[in-house]
Amino acid sequence: MTPSCRAETVAASIEAFNARGARAVLPFVAEDVEWHSAPGWAGKMLYRGHDGVLELIAEWTENFVDYKWVSVDVRELEDGRVLVLNRHKGRTRDGVLVDAPLASIWALRDDKVVGIWSYFTWKEARAAAGIGSPGVGSAAR
């Protein structure tokens, strides 16, 4: 399947983050972006604007010495939003290796991200996107 322009924009922003850090994401997001943190997140539930993006990424990655998102599935939904199923991988300051599912739904206006909704599980993101879970025996969580 050929990715859509929206999915390509989202994938490019993730690649930029992995290669160059949080500030590399800013050209991909609108100045009025709203990033909704995952249900159960210890910080704020909503981060606004470029400063909010940098704040959430800093909070999320502060305990890591090495961190990245490994995309498993980035696809445009029927309503134009983009579903991202990925694994977040890294090593914490205490040497603990992390490799766990993480998911988000991204909304774009023109070629800029205007909203992100984060989820700690792929199942939660799929439900929020209105799509079913994979069949029994799938490796997805």
N, C-alpha and C. Protein backbone atom coordinates (compact mmCIF):
# COMPACT_ATOMS: atom_id res chain seq x y z
N MET A 1 0.85 -1.19 0.00
CA MET A 1 0.00 0.00 0.00
C MET A 1 0.89 1.24 0.00
N THR A 2 0.61 2.17 -0.89
CA THR A 2 1.36 3.42 -0.94
C THR A 2 0.84 4.36 0.13
N PRO A 3 1.73 4.89 0.97
CA PRO A 3 1.27 5.79 2.02
C PRO A 3 0.72 7.09 1.44
N SER A 4 -0.25 7.67 2.12
CA SER A 4 -0.82 8.95 1.68
C SER A 4 0.14 10.08 2.02
N CYS A 5 -0.15 11.25 1.50
CA CYS A 5 0.66 12.43 1.82
C CYS A 5 0.63 12.72 3.32
N ARG A 6 -0.55 12.57 3.94
CA ARG A 6 -0.64 12.81 5.38
C ARG A 6 0.21 11.81 6.15
N ALA A 7 0.09 10.55 5.79
CA ALA A 7 0.89 9.51 6.46
C ALA A 7 2.38 9.76 6.23
N GLU A 8 2.73 10.22 5.03
CA GLU A 8 4.13 10.52 4.75
C GLU A 8 4.64 11.67 5.61
N THR A 9 3.81 12.69 5.82
CA THR A 9 4.19 13.81 6.68
C THR A 9 4.43 13.34 8.10
N VAL A 10 3.52 12.52 8.61
CA VAL A 10 3.67 12.00 9.97
C VAL A 10 4.93 11.15 10.08
N ALA A 11 5.13 10.25 9.12
CA ALA A 11 6.32 9.40 9.14
C ALA A 11 7.60 10.24 9.08
N ALA A 12 7.59 11.29 8.28
CA ALA A 12 8.76 12.17 8.17
C ALA A 12 9.03 12.89 9.50
N SER A 13 7.98 13.28 10.21
CA SER A 13 8.19 13.95 11.50
C SER A 13 8.78 12.99 12.52
N ILE A 14 8.35 11.74 12.49
CA ILE A 14 8.91 10.73 13.40
C ILE A 14 10.38 10.47 13.06
N GLU A 15 10.68 10.37 11.77
CA GLU A 15 12.07 10.17 11.34
C GLU A 15 12.94 11.35 11.77
N ALA A 16 12.41 12.56 11.66
CA ALA A 16 13.16 13.75 12.06
C ALA A 16 13.44 13.72 13.56
N PHE A 17 12.43 13.36 14.35
CA PHE A 17 12.62 13.24 15.80
C PHE A 17 13.71 12.23 16.12
N ASN A 18 13.63 11.05 15.50
CA ASN A 18 14.61 10.00 15.78
C ASN A 18 16.03 10.42 15.39
N ALA A 19 16.16 11.17 14.32
CA ALA A 19 17.49 11.56 13.83
C ALA A 19 18.06 12.79 14.53
N ARG A 20 17.16 13.77 14.85
CA ARG A 20 17.69 15.06 15.30
C ARG A 20 17.06 15.60 16.58
N GLY A 21 16.10 14.89 17.16
CA GLY A 21 15.53 15.34 18.43
C GLY A 21 14.26 16.15 18.29
N ALA A 22 13.78 16.62 19.44
CA ALA A 22 12.47 17.26 19.55
C ALA A 22 12.31 18.48 18.64
N ARG A 23 13.29 19.34 18.56
CA ARG A 23 13.16 20.56 17.76
C ARG A 23 12.97 20.25 16.27
N ALA A 24 13.44 19.09 15.84
CA ALA A 24 13.30 18.71 14.43
C ALA A 24 11.85 18.42 14.05
N VAL A 25 10.99 18.24 15.04
CA VAL A 25 9.56 17.98 14.80
C VAL A 25 8.81 19.27 14.48
N LEU A 26 9.29 20.39 14.99
CA LEU A 26 8.54 21.65 14.91
C LEU A 26 8.15 22.09 13.50
N PRO A 27 8.98 21.90 12.48
CA PRO A 27 8.54 22.31 11.13
C PRO A 27 7.33 21.52 10.62
N PHE A 28 7.03 20.40 11.22
CA PHE A 28 5.91 19.56 10.79
C PHE A 28 4.60 19.89 11.50
N VAL A 29 4.67 20.68 12.58
CA VAL A 29 3.46 20.94 13.37
C VAL A 29 3.06 22.41 13.31
N ALA A 30 1.75 22.64 13.30
CA ALA A 30 1.22 24.00 13.29
C ALA A 30 1.53 24.67 14.63
N GLU A 31 1.62 25.98 14.61
CA GLU A 31 1.90 26.72 15.84
C GLU A 31 0.79 26.55 16.87
N ASP A 32 -0.43 26.23 16.42
CA ASP A 32 -1.55 26.05 17.35
C ASP A 32 -1.86 24.57 17.62
N VAL A 33 -0.87 23.70 17.42
CA VAL A 33 -1.06 22.27 17.62
C VAL A 33 -1.50 21.98 19.06
N GLU A 34 -2.30 20.94 19.21
CA GLU A 34 -2.70 20.46 20.53
C GLU A 34 -2.34 18.98 20.63
N TRP A 35 -1.53 18.63 21.62
CA TRP A 35 -1.10 17.25 21.83
C TRP A 35 -1.75 16.74 23.10
N HIS A 36 -2.64 15.77 22.94
CA HIS A 36 -3.37 15.17 24.06
C HIS A 36 -2.55 13.98 24.55
N SER A 37 -2.15 14.02 25.81
CA SER A 37 -1.34 12.93 26.34
C SER A 37 -2.20 11.68 26.55
N ALA A 38 -1.53 10.56 26.72
CA ALA A 38 -2.22 9.28 26.88
C ALA A 38 -3.01 9.25 28.18
N PRO A 39 -4.18 8.61 28.16
CA PRO A 39 -4.94 8.45 29.41
C PRO A 39 -4.06 7.78 30.47
N GLY A 40 -3.99 8.39 31.64
CA GLY A 40 -3.15 7.85 32.70
C GLY A 40 -1.77 8.48 32.78
N TRP A 41 -1.45 9.38 31.83
CA TRP A 41 -0.16 10.07 31.85
C TRP A 41 -0.06 10.91 33.11
N ALA A 42 1.09 10.92 33.76
CA ALA A 42 1.27 11.63 35.03
C ALA A 42 1.32 13.15 34.86
N GLY A 43 1.62 13.63 33.66
CA GLY A 43 1.71 15.07 33.43
C GLY A 43 0.36 15.66 33.04
N LYS A 44 0.43 16.78 32.35
CA LYS A 44 -0.79 17.45 31.89
C LYS A 44 -1.49 16.59 30.85
N MET A 45 -2.77 16.79 30.69
CA MET A 45 -3.54 16.05 29.69
C MET A 45 -3.48 16.71 28.32
N LEU A 46 -3.14 18.01 28.26
CA LEU A 46 -3.10 18.72 26.99
C LEU A 46 -1.90 19.65 26.96
N TYR A 47 -1.15 19.57 25.86
CA TYR A 47 0.01 20.43 25.63
C TYR A 47 -0.27 21.21 24.36
N ARG A 48 -0.10 22.55 24.42
CA ARG A 48 -0.46 23.41 23.28
C ARG A 48 0.75 24.10 22.68
N GLY A 49 0.72 24.23 21.35
CA GLY A 49 1.72 24.99 20.63
C GLY A 49 3.08 24.31 20.59
N HIS A 50 4.01 24.98 19.93
CA HIS A 50 5.36 24.44 19.81
C HIS A 50 6.00 24.23 21.18
N ASP A 51 5.77 25.19 22.11
CA ASP A 51 6.33 25.04 23.45
C ASP A 51 5.76 23.81 24.14
N GLY A 52 4.48 23.54 23.92
CA GLY A 52 3.85 22.36 24.51
C GLY A 52 4.43 21.07 23.95
N VAL A 53 4.69 21.05 22.64
CA VAL A 53 5.31 19.87 22.01
C VAL A 53 6.66 19.60 22.65
N LEU A 54 7.47 20.65 22.77
CA LEU A 54 8.80 20.50 23.37
C LEU A 54 8.71 20.07 24.83
N GLU A 55 7.73 20.62 25.55
CA GLU A 55 7.54 20.27 26.95
C GLU A 55 7.18 18.80 27.12
N LEU A 56 6.21 18.32 26.34
CA LEU A 56 5.80 16.92 26.47
C LEU A 56 6.93 15.97 26.08
N ILE A 57 7.62 16.26 24.98
CA ILE A 57 8.73 15.39 24.57
C ILE A 57 9.81 15.38 25.64
N ALA A 58 10.10 16.54 26.24
CA ALA A 58 11.12 16.60 27.31
C ALA A 58 10.69 15.77 28.51
N GLU A 59 9.43 15.87 28.91
CA GLU A 59 8.93 15.09 30.04
C GLU A 59 8.99 13.59 29.72
N TRP A 60 8.60 13.24 28.50
CA TRP A 60 8.54 11.83 28.10
C TRP A 60 9.93 11.21 28.06
N THR A 61 10.92 11.97 27.59
CA THR A 61 12.25 11.41 27.34
C THR A 61 13.27 11.73 28.44
N GLU A 62 12.87 12.45 29.49
CA GLU A 62 13.84 12.92 30.48
C GLU A 62 14.62 11.80 31.17
N ASN A 63 14.06 10.62 31.28
CA ASN A 63 14.74 9.52 31.95
C ASN A 63 15.50 8.60 31.00
N PHE A 64 15.58 8.98 29.73
CA PHE A 64 16.25 8.16 28.73
C PHE A 64 17.58 8.78 28.30
N VAL A 65 18.55 7.91 28.02
CA VAL A 65 19.79 8.37 27.41
C VAL A 65 19.78 8.05 25.92
N ASP A 66 18.88 7.18 25.53
CA ASP A 66 18.74 6.78 24.14
C ASP A 66 17.26 6.47 23.94
N TYR A 67 16.63 7.12 22.96
CA TYR A 67 15.19 6.93 22.79
C TYR A 67 14.80 7.15 21.34
N LYS A 68 13.88 6.31 20.83
CA LYS A 68 13.34 6.53 19.49
C LYS A 68 12.01 5.82 19.34
N TRP A 69 11.29 6.23 18.30
CA TRP A 69 10.05 5.57 17.91
C TRP A 69 10.35 4.71 16.69
N VAL A 70 9.92 3.46 16.75
CA VAL A 70 10.06 2.56 15.60
C VAL A 70 8.66 2.31 15.07
N SER A 71 8.36 2.87 13.92
CA SER A 71 7.01 2.76 13.34
C SER A 71 6.75 1.34 12.86
N VAL A 72 5.59 0.84 13.21
CA VAL A 72 5.15 -0.48 12.76
C VAL A 72 4.07 -0.31 11.70
N ASP A 73 3.18 0.67 11.90
CA ASP A 73 2.09 0.93 10.96
C ASP A 73 1.74 2.41 11.03
N VAL A 74 1.87 3.11 9.91
CA VAL A 74 1.47 4.51 9.80
C VAL A 74 0.52 4.57 8.62
N ARG A 75 -0.77 4.84 8.91
CA ARG A 75 -1.74 4.83 7.81
C ARG A 75 -2.83 5.86 8.01
N GLU A 76 -3.27 6.37 6.86
CA GLU A 76 -4.36 7.34 6.88
C GLU A 76 -5.68 6.61 7.09
N LEU A 77 -6.49 7.16 7.98
CA LEU A 77 -7.82 6.62 8.24
C LEU A 77 -8.81 7.23 7.25
N GLU A 78 -9.98 6.65 7.17
CA GLU A 78 -10.99 7.13 6.22
C GLU A 78 -11.35 8.59 6.43
N ASP A 79 -11.26 9.06 7.69
CA ASP A 79 -11.62 10.45 7.98
C ASP A 79 -10.45 11.43 7.79
N GLY A 80 -9.31 10.93 7.28
CA GLY A 80 -8.17 11.79 7.01
C GLY A 80 -7.15 11.87 8.14
N ARG A 81 -7.51 11.40 9.34
CA ARG A 81 -6.51 11.35 10.41
C ARG A 81 -5.51 10.23 10.11
N VAL A 82 -4.39 10.24 10.82
CA VAL A 82 -3.36 9.23 10.61
C VAL A 82 -3.16 8.44 11.90
N LEU A 83 -3.25 7.13 11.78
CA LEU A 83 -3.03 6.22 12.91
C LEU A 83 -1.57 5.78 12.89
N VAL A 84 -0.90 5.89 14.03
CA VAL A 84 0.48 5.46 14.16
C VAL A 84 0.56 4.39 15.24
N LEU A 85 0.94 3.20 14.84
CA LEU A 85 1.23 2.13 15.79
C LEU A 85 2.74 1.97 15.75
N ASN A 86 3.38 2.15 16.88
CA ASN A 86 4.82 2.07 16.92
C ASN A 86 5.29 1.41 18.21
N ARG A 87 6.57 1.25 18.29
CA ARG A 87 7.20 0.77 19.51
C ARG A 87 8.12 1.89 19.96
N HIS A 88 8.08 2.19 21.25
CA HIS A 88 9.07 3.15 21.72
C HIS A 88 10.18 2.35 22.37
N LYS A 89 11.39 2.68 21.93
CA LYS A 89 12.57 1.91 22.34
C LYS A 89 13.63 2.85 22.89
N GLY A 90 14.32 2.35 23.88
CA GLY A 90 15.41 3.14 24.41
C GLY A 90 16.03 2.50 25.62
N ARG A 91 16.96 3.24 26.20
CA ARG A 91 17.64 2.80 27.42
C ARG A 91 17.52 3.94 28.42
N THR A 92 17.05 3.60 29.62
CA THR A 92 16.90 4.62 30.66
C THR A 92 18.25 4.95 31.27
N ARG A 93 18.27 6.01 32.06
CA ARG A 93 19.51 6.41 32.74
C ARG A 93 20.04 5.30 33.66
N ASP A 94 19.14 4.44 34.17
CA ASP A 94 19.59 3.32 35.03
C ASP A 94 19.94 2.08 34.22
N GLY A 95 19.92 2.18 32.90
CA GLY A 95 20.32 1.06 32.06
C GLY A 95 19.22 0.10 31.69
N VAL A 96 17.98 0.41 32.05
CA VAL A 96 16.85 -0.46 31.72
C VAL A 96 16.49 -0.28 30.25
N LEU A 97 16.39 -1.40 29.53
CA LEU A 97 15.99 -1.34 28.12
C LEU A 97 14.47 -1.33 28.03
N VAL A 98 13.94 -0.43 27.22
CA VAL A 98 12.50 -0.31 27.02
C VAL A 98 12.20 -0.62 25.56
N ASP A 99 11.21 -1.47 25.36
CA ASP A 99 10.72 -1.80 24.02
C ASP A 99 9.26 -2.16 24.19
N ALA A 100 8.38 -1.19 24.00
CA ALA A 100 6.97 -1.38 24.30
C ALA A 100 6.11 -0.70 23.25
N PRO A 101 4.86 -1.19 23.10
CA PRO A 101 3.97 -0.54 22.14
C PRO A 101 3.56 0.85 22.62
N LEU A 102 3.30 1.70 21.66
CA LEU A 102 2.81 3.05 21.89
C LEU A 102 2.01 3.40 20.64
N ALA A 103 1.03 4.26 20.75
CA ALA A 103 0.21 4.57 19.58
C ALA A 103 -0.28 6.01 19.65
N SER A 104 -0.67 6.53 18.50
CA SER A 104 -1.22 7.87 18.45
C SER A 104 -2.07 8.05 17.20
N ILE A 105 -2.92 9.05 17.27
CA ILE A 105 -3.73 9.45 16.13
C ILE A 105 -3.41 10.92 15.87
N TRP A 106 -3.09 11.24 14.62
CA TRP A 106 -2.65 12.57 14.25
C TRP A 106 -3.67 13.20 13.30
N ALA A 107 -3.97 14.48 13.53
CA ALA A 107 -4.83 15.24 12.64
C ALA A 107 -3.98 16.31 11.97
N LEU A 108 -4.20 16.50 10.68
CA LEU A 108 -3.45 17.49 9.92
C LEU A 108 -4.38 18.49 9.25
N ARG A 109 -3.89 19.70 9.11
CA ARG A 109 -4.56 20.75 8.34
C ARG A 109 -3.54 21.19 7.30
N ASP A 110 -3.91 21.07 6.06
CA ASP A 110 -2.96 21.31 4.98
C ASP A 110 -1.79 20.34 5.18
N ASP A 111 -0.59 20.83 5.34
CA ASP A 111 0.56 19.92 5.50
C ASP A 111 1.15 19.99 6.91
N LYS A 112 0.37 20.47 7.88
CA LYS A 112 0.87 20.61 9.26
C LYS A 112 0.01 19.80 10.24
N VAL A 113 0.67 19.24 11.24
CA VAL A 113 -0.03 18.51 12.29
C VAL A 113 -0.70 19.53 13.22
N VAL A 114 -2.01 19.33 13.47
CA VAL A 114 -2.74 20.24 14.35
C VAL A 114 -3.23 19.55 15.62
N GLY A 115 -3.20 18.23 15.63
CA GLY A 115 -3.64 17.50 16.82
C GLY A 115 -3.02 16.12 16.89
N ILE A 116 -2.65 15.72 18.09
CA ILE A 116 -2.14 14.37 18.34
C ILE A 116 -2.82 13.85 19.60
N TRP A 117 -3.32 12.62 19.51
CA TRP A 117 -3.92 11.94 20.66
C TRP A 117 -3.08 10.70 20.91
N SER A 118 -2.52 10.57 22.10
CA SER A 118 -1.60 9.48 22.42
C SER A 118 -2.29 8.39 23.23
N TYR A 119 -1.80 7.16 23.06
CA TYR A 119 -2.35 5.98 23.76
C TYR A 119 -1.20 5.07 24.15
N PHE A 120 -1.33 4.43 25.31
CA PHE A 120 -0.30 3.51 25.76
C PHE A 120 -0.41 2.14 25.11
N THR A 121 -1.55 1.84 24.48
CA THR A 121 -1.69 0.54 23.81
C THR A 121 -2.24 0.73 22.41
N TRP A 122 -1.91 -0.23 21.54
CA TRP A 122 -2.44 -0.22 20.18
C TRP A 122 -3.94 -0.44 20.20
N LYS A 123 -4.42 -1.24 21.12
CA LYS A 123 -5.85 -1.54 21.21
C LYS A 123 -6.64 -0.26 21.49
N GLU A 124 -6.16 0.57 22.42
CA GLU A 124 -6.84 1.83 22.73
C GLU A 124 -6.88 2.75 21.50
N ALA A 125 -5.78 2.81 20.78
CA ALA A 125 -5.71 3.68 19.60
C ALA A 125 -6.65 3.18 18.52
N ARG A 126 -6.67 1.88 18.30
CA ARG A 126 -7.57 1.32 17.29
C ARG A 126 -9.03 1.62 17.66
N ALA A 127 -9.36 1.46 18.93
CA ALA A 127 -10.73 1.74 19.37
C ALA A 127 -11.07 3.22 19.15
N ALA A 128 -10.14 4.11 19.49
CA ALA A 128 -10.37 5.54 19.30
C ALA A 128 -10.50 5.89 17.82
N ALA A 129 -9.81 5.13 16.98
CA ALA A 129 -9.87 5.36 15.53
C ALA A 129 -11.10 4.71 14.90
N GLY A 130 -11.79 3.88 15.67
CA GLY A 130 -12.98 3.23 15.15
C GLY A 130 -12.68 2.03 14.27
N ILE A 131 -11.53 1.40 14.48
CA ILE A 131 -11.22 0.20 13.72
C ILE A 131 -11.02 -0.98 14.67
N GLY A 132 -11.23 -2.17 14.17
CA GLY A 132 -11.13 -3.37 14.99
C GLY A 132 -9.71 -3.76 15.30
N SER A 133 -9.58 -4.62 16.27
CA SER A 133 -8.28 -5.16 16.66
C SER A 133 -7.91 -6.30 15.72
N PRO A 134 -6.61 -6.63 15.63
CA PRO A 134 -6.19 -7.75 14.79
C PRO A 134 -6.70 -9.06 15.37
N GLY A 135 -6.65 -10.09 14.57
CA GLY A 135 -7.15 -11.39 14.97
C GLY A 135 -6.32 -12.06 16.04
N VAL A 136 -6.83 -13.16 16.56
CA VAL A 136 -6.15 -13.94 17.57
C VAL A 136 -4.82 -14.42 17.02
N GLY A 137 -3.79 -14.39 17.86
CA GLY A 137 -2.48 -14.84 17.44
C GLY A 137 -1.61 -13.73 16.91
N SER A 138 -2.15 -12.53 16.81
CA SER A 138 -1.35 -11.41 16.32
C SER A 138 -0.34 -10.97 17.36
N ALA A 139 0.78 -10.47 16.91
CA ALA A 139 1.81 -9.96 17.82
C ALA A 139 1.47 -8.56 18.31
N ALA A 140 0.51 -7.90 17.71
CA ALA A 140 0.15 -6.54 18.11
C ALA A 140 -0.54 -6.56 19.46
N ARG A 141 -0.38 -5.45 20.19
CA ARG A 141 -0.96 -5.35 21.54
C ARG A 141 -2.02 -4.28 21.57
